[in-house]
Amino acid sequence: METKRLRKLIAGIWVMILAAMMSTACGASEKTPQKETENTAEESGSAEETADAGDETFGLNEAAVFDKLKMTALEMKESQGDEYIKPAEGKVFVGVKFQIENISQEEQNVSSLLLFDAYVDGTKVDMEWMPPGDLSDGSLDGALAAGKNMQGYYVVQAGTDWSEIQLDVKSEWLGTAKAEFIFTK
């Protein structure tokens, strides 16, 4: 009897997850994100220098502004790990701290697994599920209420001699609009 209830509960959860994914997919945006930097137009000389709609490449302290989310890379740092979590031989952890803001009027779901693709020197890599303590501040996953933000690190392993990390970020699971965040050593 309890097994049937458990199966029904699990099936119900899967139906809700699929429904949420489909509703997100139906509203997927195709619009290229706008660039917003920390500099003001007065500091840099013109408004065109602070917001270039045709540029899909972003760096530190630049925000990719999508229809519903604004994603800003705040900092990048390397780590050799801690006493419990170490990178593989010849590698380091590299974490990029993002702030994700919900600029819509509705709750948005954020998933680092579904919205980020990472490349180290042109080779696709996976996100670290258990980063060391110095790179585990916050999470980039969960429901984000309207007008609120979250901060956390997206962490990968890279060879100690890495030269470029590229994080392709989408604002919606099935959307095609993306921002390429490029970081160099």
Foldseek 3Di string as FASTA:
>chain_A
DVVVVVVVVVVVVVVVVVVVQVVLQVPADQAAFWKAAPDDCVVVPHPCVGIPRVAQEAEARIWGHDPFKIKHFHDKDWAQADPPDGDPPQKIKIKTKMKMWGQDQAKDWFDCQQFKWKDFVRHTFDWDPDGHPVQAPWDRGDIAGHGGMTMHIGMTMDGPPTFKMWMWGGRTRNHPHTGIYIDGD
